[in-house]
Amino acid sequence: MEDKKKTTLSGTLMRPLTVGECAFIRHASQTMRTSTVLKISSVSPQGIEFETRNTHYRLLPPAAARTATAERSVMAAA
């Protein structure tokens, strides 16, 4: 059995993530298309983890969204 590539990206899904379909991700001012999604492992404000035929993805929100989330966490802790 072959190990799949692991990729972490900061970006935005261009349409809902659906098992059995390709994912379209806006990343670094470009749109990328993945191979077929096989499994969605986790979905949270910190990111989405999913597996395609070729790769395990960790999709993080864009930097501006991550900064806002971190600031809210700090404010809540204070």
PDB file of N, CA and C in Angstrom:
ATOM      1  N   MET A   1       0.838  -1.186   0.000  1.00  0.00           N
ATOM      2  CA  MET A   1       0.000   0.000   0.000  1.00  0.00           C
ATOM      3  C   MET A   1       0.882   1.248   0.000  1.00  0.00           C
ATOM      4  N   GLU A   2       0.529   2.197  -0.828  1.00  0.00           N
ATOM      5  CA  GLU A   2       1.320   3.412  -0.999  1.00  0.00           C
ATOM      6  C   GLU A   2       0.849   4.513  -0.047  1.00  0.00           C
ATOM      7  N   ASP A   3       1.800   5.209   0.575  1.00  0.00           N
ATOM      8  CA  ASP A   3       1.435   6.348   1.413  1.00  0.00           C
ATOM      9  C   ASP A   3       1.045   7.514   0.524  1.00  0.00           C
ATOM     10  N   LYS A   4      -0.014   8.203   0.929  1.00  0.00           N
ATOM     11  CA  LYS A   4      -0.461   9.363   0.163  1.00  0.00           C
ATOM     12  C   LYS A   4       0.311  10.597   0.595  1.00  0.00           C
ATOM     13  N   LYS A   5       0.426  11.524  -0.325  1.00  0.00           N
ATOM     14  CA  LYS A   5       1.038  12.820  -0.051  1.00  0.00           C
ATOM     15  C   LYS A   5       0.166  13.561   0.968  1.00  0.00           C
ATOM     16  N   LYS A   6       0.785  14.354   1.838  1.00  0.00           N
ATOM     17  CA  LYS A   6       0.061  15.175   2.811  1.00  0.00           C
ATOM     18  C   LYS A   6       0.325  16.639   2.480  1.00  0.00           C
ATOM     19  N   THR A   7      -0.749  17.419   2.358  1.00  0.00           N
ATOM     20  CA  THR A   7      -0.629  18.817   1.970  1.00  0.00           C
ATOM     21  C   THR A   7      -1.451  19.696   2.902  1.00  0.00           C
ATOM     22  N   THR A   8      -0.845  20.790   3.369  1.00  0.00           N
ATOM     23  CA  THR A   8      -1.560  21.799   4.148  1.00  0.00           C
ATOM     24  C   THR A   8      -1.591  23.078   3.326  1.00  0.00           C
ATOM     25  N   LEU A   9      -2.797  23.605   3.131  1.00  0.00           N
ATOM     26  CA  LEU A   9      -2.998  24.822   2.338  1.00  0.00           C
ATOM     27  C   LEU A   9      -3.797  25.832   3.133  1.00  0.00           C
ATOM     28  N   SER A  10      -3.606  27.089   2.818  1.00  0.00           N
ATOM     29  CA  SER A  10      -4.458  28.157   3.308  1.00  0.00           C
ATOM     30  C   SER A  10      -5.296  28.593   2.122  1.00  0.00           C
ATOM     31  N   GLY A  11      -6.618  28.459   2.248  1.00  0.00           N
ATOM     32  CA  GLY A  11      -7.459  28.815   1.119  1.00  0.00           C
ATOM     33  C   GLY A  11      -8.934  28.694   1.433  1.00  0.00           C
ATOM     34  N   THR A  12      -9.739  28.771   0.371  1.00  0.00           N
ATOM     35  CA  THR A  12     -11.189  28.760   0.492  1.00  0.00           C
ATOM     36  C   THR A  12     -11.783  27.759  -0.483  1.00  0.00           C
ATOM     37  N   LEU A  13     -12.728  26.962  -0.017  1.00  0.00           N
ATOM     38  CA  LEU A  13     -13.447  26.073  -0.918  1.00  0.00           C
ATOM     39  C   LEU A  13     -14.322  26.917  -1.833  1.00  0.00           C
ATOM     40  N   MET A  14     -14.306  26.608  -3.111  1.00  0.00           N
ATOM     41  CA  MET A  14     -15.093  27.365  -4.083  1.00  0.00           C
ATOM     42  C   MET A  14     -16.519  26.828  -4.197  1.00  0.00           C
ATOM     43  N   ARG A  15     -16.738  25.616  -3.716  1.00  0.00           N
ATOM     44  CA  ARG A  15     -18.081  25.026  -3.654  1.00  0.00           C
ATOM     45  C   ARG A  15     -18.065  24.005  -2.526  1.00  0.00           C
ATOM     46  N   PRO A  16     -19.237  23.546  -2.080  1.00  0.00           N
ATOM     47  CA  PRO A  16     -19.255  22.595  -0.952  1.00  0.00           C
ATOM     48  C   PRO A  16     -18.410  21.355  -1.226  1.00  0.00           C
ATOM     49  N   LEU A  17     -17.725  20.904  -0.189  1.00  0.00           N
ATOM     50  CA  LEU A  17     -16.904  19.703  -0.279  1.00  0.00           C
ATOM     51  C   LEU A  17     -17.826  18.492  -0.251  1.00  0.00           C
ATOM     52  N   THR A  18     -17.723  17.630  -1.269  1.00  0.00           N
ATOM     53  CA  THR A  18     -18.637  16.499  -1.405  1.00  0.00           C
ATOM     54  C   THR A  18     -17.857  15.239  -1.734  1.00  0.00           C
ATOM     55  N   VAL A  19     -18.116  14.174  -0.967  1.00  0.00           N
ATOM     56  CA  VAL A  19     -17.492  12.880  -1.269  1.00  0.00           C
ATOM     57  C   VAL A  19     -17.970  12.431  -2.651  1.00  0.00           C
ATOM     58  N   GLY A  20     -17.049  11.951  -3.449  1.00  0.00           N
ATOM     59  CA  GLY A  20     -17.362  11.483  -4.792  1.00  0.00           C
ATOM     60  C   GLY A  20     -17.151  12.532  -5.873  1.00  0.00           C
ATOM     61  N   GLU A  21     -16.830  13.767  -5.465  1.00  0.00           N
ATOM     62  CA  GLU A  21     -16.574  14.843  -6.428  1.00  0.00           C
ATOM     63  C   GLU A  21     -15.209  15.465  -6.160  1.00  0.00           C
ATOM     64  N   CYS A  22     -14.692  16.195  -7.120  1.00  0.00           N
ATOM     65  CA  CYS A  22     -13.436  16.934  -6.945  1.00  0.00           C
ATOM     66  C   CYS A  22     -13.699  18.154  -6.068  1.00  0.00           C
ATOM     67  N   ALA A  23     -12.677  18.585  -5.355  1.00  0.00           N
ATOM     68  CA  ALA A  23     -12.760  19.828  -4.584  1.00  0.00           C
ATOM     69  C   ALA A  23     -12.108  20.939  -5.407  1.00  0.00           C
ATOM     70  N   PHE A  24     -12.691  22.121  -5.329  1.00  0.00           N
ATOM     71  CA  PHE A  24     -12.113  23.305  -5.974  1.00  0.00           C
ATOM     72  C   PHE A  24     -11.724  24.273  -4.874  1.00  0.00           C
ATOM     73  N   ILE A  25     -10.441  24.622  -4.808  1.00  0.00           N
ATOM     74  CA  ILE A  25      -9.890  25.432  -3.723  1.00  0.00           C
ATOM     75  C   ILE A  25      -9.247  26.683  -4.292  1.00  0.00           C
ATOM     76  N   ARG A  26      -9.581  27.828  -3.733  1.00  0.00           N
ATOM     77  CA  ARG A  26      -8.933  29.100  -4.083  1.00  0.00           C
ATOM     78  C   ARG A  26      -7.743  29.244  -3.145  1.00  0.00           C
ATOM     79  N   HIS A  27      -6.540  29.247  -3.717  1.00  0.00           N
ATOM     80  CA  HIS A  27      -5.302  29.270  -2.936  1.00  0.00           C
ATOM     81  C   HIS A  27      -4.271  30.099  -3.686  1.00  0.00           C
ATOM     82  N   ALA A  28      -3.677  31.073  -3.015  1.00  0.00           N
ATOM     83  CA  ALA A  28      -2.609  31.900  -3.604  1.00  0.00           C
ATOM     84  C   ALA A  28      -3.042  32.510  -4.939  1.00  0.00           C
ATOM     85  N   SER A  29      -4.236  33.078  -4.958  1.00  0.00           N
ATOM     86  CA  SER A  29      -4.789  33.761  -6.142  1.00  0.00           C
ATOM     87  C   SER A  29      -5.011  32.843  -7.336  1.00  0.00           C
ATOM     88  N   GLN A  30      -5.085  31.558  -7.090  1.00  0.00           N
ATOM     89  CA  GLN A  30      -5.368  30.596  -8.150  1.00  0.00           C
ATOM     90  C   GLN A  30      -6.417  29.606  -7.663  1.00  0.00           C
ATOM     91  N   THR A  31      -7.120  28.989  -8.596  1.00  0.00           N
ATOM     92  CA  THR A  31      -8.073  27.936  -8.252  1.00  0.00           C
ATOM     93  C   THR A  31      -7.452  26.603  -8.615  1.00  0.00           C
ATOM     94  N   MET A  32      -7.451  25.685  -7.648  1.00  0.00           N
ATOM     95  CA  MET A  32      -6.924  24.350  -7.912  1.00  0.00           C
ATOM     96  C   MET A  32      -8.037  23.327  -7.789  1.00  0.00           C
ATOM     97  N   ARG A  33      -7.915  22.253  -8.530  1.00  0.00           N
ATOM     98  CA  ARG A  33      -8.887  21.164  -8.518  1.00  0.00           C
ATOM     99  C   ARG A  33      -8.175  19.919  -8.017  1.00  0.00           C
ATOM    100  N   THR A  34      -8.794  19.228  -7.062  1.00  0.00           N
ATOM    101  CA  THR A  34      -8.209  17.997  -6.531  1.00  0.00           C
ATOM    102  C   THR A  34      -8.740  16.792  -7.302  1.00  0.00           C
ATOM    103  N   SER A  35      -8.188  15.645  -7.000  1.00  0.00           N
ATOM    104  CA  SER A  35      -8.789  14.408  -7.490  1.00  0.00           C
ATOM    105  C   SER A  35     -10.054  14.152  -6.655  1.00  0.00           C
ATOM    106  N   THR A  36     -10.738  13.083  -6.913  1.00  0.00           N
ATOM    107  CA  THR A  36     -12.019  12.781  -6.258  1.00  0.00           C
ATOM    108  C   THR A  36     -11.874  12.677  -4.744  1.00  0.00           C
ATOM    109  N   VAL A  37     -12.761  13.359  -4.013  1.00  0.00           N
ATOM    110  CA  VAL A  37     -12.770  13.304  -2.549  1.00  0.00           C
ATOM    111  C   VAL A  37     -13.306  11.944  -2.115  1.00  0.00           C
ATOM    112  N   LEU A  38     -12.545  11.256  -1.256  1.00  0.00           N
ATOM    113  CA  LEU A  38     -12.945   9.944  -0.751  1.00  0.00           C
ATOM    114  C   LEU A  38     -13.537  10.020   0.645  1.00  0.00           C
ATOM    115  N   LYS A  39     -13.030  10.974   1.457  1.00  0.00           N
ATOM    116  CA  LYS A  39     -13.437  11.030   2.870  1.00  0.00           C
ATOM    117  C   LYS A  39     -13.233  12.437   3.398  1.00  0.00           C
ATOM    118  N   ILE A  40     -14.186  12.910   4.214  1.00  0.00           N
ATOM    119  CA  ILE A  40     -14.038  14.183   4.934  1.00  0.00           C
ATOM    120  C   ILE A  40     -13.815  13.805   6.396  1.00  0.00           C
ATOM    121  N   SER A  41     -12.620  14.096   6.907  1.00  0.00           N
ATOM    122  CA  SER A  41     -12.236  13.655   8.252  1.00  0.00           C
ATOM    123  C   SER A  41     -12.701  14.591   9.351  1.00  0.00           C
ATOM    124  N   SER A  42     -12.539  15.907   9.140  1.00  0.00           N
ATOM    125  CA  SER A  42     -12.958  16.861  10.171  1.00  0.00           C
ATOM    126  C   SER A  42     -13.243  18.224   9.555  1.00  0.00           C
ATOM    127  N   VAL A  43     -14.201  18.905  10.185  1.00  0.00           N
ATOM    128  CA  VAL A  43     -14.575  20.256   9.769  1.00  0.00           C
ATOM    129  C   VAL A  43     -14.694  21.090  11.034  1.00  0.00           C
ATOM    130  N   SER A  44     -13.945  22.190  11.111  1.00  0.00           N
ATOM    131  CA  SER A  44     -13.988  23.081  12.276  1.00  0.00           C
ATOM    132  C   SER A  44     -13.597  24.487  11.832  1.00  0.00           C
ATOM    133  N   PRO A  45     -13.779  25.475  12.700  1.00  0.00           N
ATOM    134  CA  PRO A  45     -13.341  26.835  12.337  1.00  0.00           C
ATOM    135  C   PRO A  45     -11.832  26.913  12.073  1.00  0.00           C
ATOM    136  N   GLN A  46     -11.061  25.968  12.612  1.00  0.00           N
ATOM    137  CA  GLN A  46      -9.613  25.963  12.416  1.00  0.00           C
ATOM    138  C   GLN A  46      -9.202  25.332  11.095  1.00  0.00           C
ATOM    139  N   GLY A  47     -10.115  24.634  10.424  1.00  0.00           N
ATOM    140  CA  GLY A  47      -9.768  24.045   9.137  1.00  0.00           C
ATOM    141  C   GLY A  47     -10.580  22.814   8.804  1.00  0.00           C
ATOM    142  N   ILE A  48     -10.322  22.289   7.629  1.00  0.00           N
ATOM    143  CA  ILE A  48     -11.007  21.103   7.123  1.00  0.00           C
ATOM    144  C   ILE A  48      -9.954  20.084   6.729  1.00  0.00           C
ATOM    145  N   GLU A  49     -10.153  18.843   7.131  1.00  0.00           N
ATOM    146  CA  GLU A  49      -9.251  17.773   6.734  1.00  0.00           C
ATOM    147  C   GLU A  49     -10.038  16.785   5.895  1.00  0.00           C
ATOM    148  N   PHE A  50      -9.478  16.452   4.715  1.00  0.00           N
ATOM    149  CA  PHE A  50     -10.147  15.501   3.840  1.00  0.00           C
ATOM    150  C   PHE A  50      -9.118  14.732   3.023  1.00  0.00           C
ATOM    151  N   GLU A  51      -9.581  13.621   2.462  1.00  0.00           N
ATOM    152  CA  GLU A  51      -8.706  12.733   1.697  1.00  0.00           C
ATOM    153  C   GLU A  51      -9.254  12.596   0.281  1.00  0.00           C
ATOM    154  N   THR A  52      -8.347  12.679  -0.680  1.00  0.00           N
ATOM    155  CA  THR A  52      -8.702  12.427  -2.079  1.00  0.00           C
ATOM    156  C   THR A  52      -8.017  11.132  -2.510  1.00  0.00           C
ATOM    157  N   ARG A  53      -8.174  10.781  -3.756  1.00  0.00           N
ATOM    158  CA  ARG A  53      -7.519   9.566  -4.265  1.00  0.00           C
ATOM    159  C   ARG A  53      -6.007   9.617  -4.108  1.00  0.00           C
ATOM    160  N   ASN A  54      -5.439  10.839  -4.180  1.00  0.00           N
ATOM    161  CA  ASN A  54      -3.980  10.972  -4.196  1.00  0.00           C
ATOM    162  C   ASN A  54      -3.372  11.611  -2.962  1.00  0.00           C
ATOM    163  N   THR A  55      -4.172  12.375  -2.193  1.00  0.00           N
ATOM    164  CA  THR A  55      -3.593  13.251  -1.174  1.00  0.00           C
ATOM    165  C   THR A  55      -4.487  13.368   0.050  1.00  0.00           C
ATOM    166  N   HIS A  56      -3.851  13.541   1.218  1.00  0.00           N
ATOM    167  CA  HIS A  56      -4.539  13.944   2.452  1.00  0.00           C
ATOM    168  C   HIS A  56      -4.370  15.456   2.551  1.00  0.00           C
ATOM    169  N   TYR A  57      -5.477  16.192   2.594  1.00  0.00           N
ATOM    170  CA  TYR A  57      -5.439  17.656   2.655  1.00  0.00           C
ATOM    171  C   TYR A  57      -5.826  18.163   4.032  1.00  0.00           C
ATOM    172  N   ARG A  58      -5.171  19.238   4.426  1.00  0.00           N
ATOM    173  CA  ARG A  58      -5.581  20.046   5.575  1.00  0.00           C
ATOM    174  C   ARG A  58      -5.740  21.454   5.012  1.00  0.00           C
ATOM    175  N   LEU A  59      -6.980  21.929   4.956  1.00  0.00           N
ATOM    176  CA  LEU A  59      -7.266  23.242   4.397  1.00  0.00           C
ATOM    177  C   LEU A  59      -7.535  24.219   5.534  1.00  0.00           C
ATOM    178  N   LEU A  60      -6.659  25.198   5.670  1.00  0.00           N
ATOM    179  CA  LEU A  60      -6.788  26.216   6.705  1.00  0.00           C
ATOM    180  C   LEU A  60      -7.505  27.426   6.137  1.00  0.00           C
ATOM    181  N   PRO A  61      -8.232  28.165   6.980  1.00  0.00           N
ATOM    182  CA  PRO A  61      -8.857  29.389   6.473  1.00  0.00           C
ATOM    183  C   PRO A  61      -7.790  30.380   6.026  1.00  0.00           C
ATOM    184  N   PRO A  62      -8.151  31.306   5.136  1.00  0.00           N
ATOM    185  CA  PRO A  62      -7.186  32.326   4.719  1.00  0.00           C
ATOM    186  C   PRO A  62      -6.607  33.058   5.928  1.00  0.00           C
ATOM    187  N   ALA A  63      -5.432  33.649   5.767  1.00  0.00           N
ATOM    188  CA  ALA A  63      -4.712  34.298   6.873  1.00  0.00           C
ATOM    189  C   ALA A  63      -5.573  35.315   7.615  1.00  0.00           C
ATOM    190  N   ALA A  64      -6.353  36.120   6.913  1.00  0.00           N
ATOM    191  CA  ALA A  64      -7.185  37.133   7.567  1.00  0.00           C
ATOM    192  C   ALA A  64      -8.199  36.483   8.498  1.00  0.00           C
ATOM    193  N   ALA A  65      -8.781  35.365   8.084  1.00  0.00           N
ATOM    194  CA  ALA A  65      -9.753  34.665   8.920  1.00  0.00           C
ATOM    195  C   ALA A  65      -9.075  34.042  10.136  1.00  0.00           C
ATOM    196  N   ARG A  66      -7.858  33.492   9.938  1.00  0.00           N
ATOM    197  CA  ARG A  66      -7.129  32.898  11.067  1.00  0.00           C
ATOM    198  C   ARG A  66      -6.786  33.964  12.089  1.00  0.00           C
ATOM    199  N   THR A  67      -6.380  35.156  11.644  1.00  0.00           N
ATOM    200  CA  THR A  67      -6.033  36.248  12.555  1.00  0.00           C
ATOM    201  C   THR A  67      -7.256  36.674  13.354  1.00  0.00           C
ATOM    202  N   ALA A  68      -8.403  36.802  12.710  1.00  0.00           N
ATOM    203  CA  ALA A  68      -9.629  37.200  13.404  1.00  0.00           C
ATOM    204  C   ALA A  68     -10.030  36.154  14.436  1.00  0.00           C
ATOM    205  N   THR A  69      -9.897  34.868  14.093  1.00  0.00           N
ATOM    206  CA  THR A  69     -10.228  33.797  15.030  1.00  0.00           C
ATOM    207  C   THR A  69      -9.297  33.829  16.222  1.00  0.00           C
ATOM    208  N   ALA A  70      -8.007  34.042  15.991  1.00  0.00           N
ATOM    209  CA  ALA A  70      -7.029  34.109  17.080  1.00  0.00           C
ATOM    210  C   ALA A  70      -7.328  35.293  17.992  1.00  0.00           C
ATOM    211  N   GLU A  71      -7.683  36.434  17.399  1.00  0.00           N
ATOM    212  CA  GLU A  71      -7.998  37.616  18.207  1.00  0.00           C
ATOM    213  C   GLU A  71      -9.233  37.374  19.068  1.00  0.00           C
ATOM    214  N   ARG A  72     -10.261  36.713  18.513  1.00  0.00           N
ATOM    215  CA  ARG A  72     -11.464  36.404  19.297  1.00  0.00           C
ATOM    216  C   ARG A  72     -11.115  35.463  20.441  1.00  0.00           C
ATOM    217  N   SER A  73     -10.230  34.501  20.198  1.00  0.00           N
ATOM    218  CA  SER A  73      -9.822  33.552  21.245  1.00  0.00           C
ATOM    219  C   SER A  73      -9.109  34.278  22.375  1.00  0.00           C
ATOM    220  N   VAL A  74      -8.238  35.218  22.030  1.00  0.00           N
ATOM    221  CA  VAL A  74      -7.506  35.995  23.030  1.00  0.00           C
ATOM    222  C   VAL A  74      -8.473  36.851  23.839  1.00  0.00           C
ATOM    223  N   MET A  75      -9.419  37.502  23.153  1.00  0.00           N
ATOM    224  CA  MET A  75     -10.395  38.356  23.843  1.00  0.00           C
ATOM    225  C   MET A  75     -11.264  37.521  24.788  1.00  0.00           C
ATOM    226  N   ALA A  76     -11.640  36.324  24.368  1.00  0.00           N
ATOM    227  CA  ALA A  76     -12.486  35.461  25.201  1.00  0.00           C
ATOM    228  C   ALA A  76     -11.738  34.987  26.433  1.00  0.00           C
ATOM    229  N   ALA A  77     -10.425  34.777  26.286  1.00  0.00           N
ATOM    230  CA  ALA A  77      -9.612  34.294  27.408  1.00  0.00           C
ATOM    231  C   ALA A  77      -9.354  35.398  28.430  1.00  0.00           C
ATOM    232  N   ALA A  78      -9.424  36.649  27.995  1.00  0.00           N
ATOM    233  CA  ALA A  78      -9.097  37.771  28.888  1.00  0.00           C
ATOM    234  C   ALA A  78     -10.201  38.019  29.904  1.00  0.00           C
TER     235      ALA A  78
END
